[in-house]
């Protein structure tokens, strides 16, 4: 593997932990402030973010198929 691939793998691993810690912090914040209605919208955005971070190949495939279906 090249240096770029090694850097990508390292950043992807670190980003995964950062996303999970961020989700935990946001959850604690909403629980303390008791803003449960805002929490559900944030949960939806965070689920999408987790998909982008942990399944990069799947997201790449989805966007590629979407691009092909639009521009063919």
Protein backbone atom coordinates (compact mmCIF):
# COMPACT_ATOMS: atom_id res chain seq x y z
CA UNK A 1 0.00 0.00 0.00
CA UNK A 2 1.05 3.53 -0.62
CA UNK A 3 1.52 6.29 1.90
CA UNK A 4 -1.80 7.84 0.90
CA UNK A 5 -3.73 4.64 1.60
CA UNK A 6 -2.01 4.25 4.97
CA UNK A 7 -2.90 7.84 5.85
CA UNK A 8 -6.51 7.28 4.77
CA UNK A 9 -6.81 4.13 6.90
CA UNK A 10 -5.35 5.91 9.93
CA UNK A 11 -7.66 8.91 9.56
CA UNK A 12 -10.67 6.67 9.04
CA UNK A 13 -9.89 4.76 12.23
CA UNK A 14 -9.42 7.96 14.23
CA UNK A 15 -12.52 9.59 12.73
CA UNK A 16 -14.59 6.62 13.84
CA UNK A 17 -13.66 7.16 17.46
CA UNK A 18 -14.20 10.91 17.18
CA UNK A 19 -17.68 10.40 15.74
CA UNK A 20 -18.64 7.98 18.50
CA UNK A 21 -17.36 10.32 21.22
CA UNK A 22 -19.20 13.21 19.56
CA UNK A 23 -22.44 11.23 19.57
CA UNK A 24 -21.99 10.48 23.26
CA UNK A 25 -21.34 14.15 24.07
CA UNK A 26 -24.35 15.33 22.06
CA UNK A 27 -26.55 12.73 23.74
CA UNK A 28 -25.43 13.82 27.20
CA UNK A 29 -25.97 17.49 26.28
CA UNK A 30 -29.53 16.89 25.09
CA UNK A 31 -30.29 14.74 28.13
CA UNK A 32 -29.08 17.46 30.49
CA UNK A 33 -30.93 20.24 28.66
CA UNK A 34 -34.00 18.00 28.20
CA UNK A 35 -34.38 18.96 24.54
CA UNK A 36 -35.68 15.64 23.32
CA UNK A 37 -37.41 17.06 20.23
CA UNK A 38 -34.12 18.48 18.94
CA UNK A 39 -32.38 15.25 19.85
CA UNK A 40 -34.32 13.21 17.28
CA UNK A 41 -33.34 15.48 14.39
CA UNK A 42 -29.74 15.31 15.53
CA UNK A 43 -29.90 11.53 15.81
CA UNK A 44 -31.01 11.33 12.17
CA UNK A 45 -28.03 13.46 11.07
CA UNK A 46 -25.65 11.44 13.24
CA UNK A 47 -26.85 8.14 11.76
CA UNK A 48 -25.99 9.48 8.32
CA UNK A 49 -22.59 10.65 9.61
CA UNK A 50 -21.87 7.20 11.03
CA UNK A 51 -22.72 5.69 7.65
CA UNK A 52 -20.25 8.02 5.95
CA UNK A 53 -17.47 7.28 8.44
CA UNK A 54 -17.78 3.53 8.88
CA UNK A 55 -18.95 2.44 5.41
CA UNK A 56 -17.02 4.61 2.98
CA UNK A 57 -17.07 2.01 0.21
CA UNK A 58 -20.83 1.56 0.49
CA UNK A 59 -21.41 5.32 0.36
CA UNK A 60 -19.10 5.58 -2.63
CA UNK A 61 -21.09 2.86 -4.41
CA UNK A 62 -24.43 4.51 -3.60
CA UNK A 63 -23.31 7.89 -4.92
CA UNK A 64 -21.76 6.32 -8.02
CA UNK A 65 -25.00 4.46 -8.80
CA UNK A 66 -26.99 7.65 -8.19
CA UNK A 67 -24.71 9.60 -10.53
CA UNK A 68 -25.02 6.93 -13.20
CA UNK A 69 -28.81 6.84 -12.95
CA UNK A 70 -29.11 10.62 -13.23
CA UNK A 71 -26.64 11.26 -16.03
CA UNK A 72 -27.24 8.28 -18.31
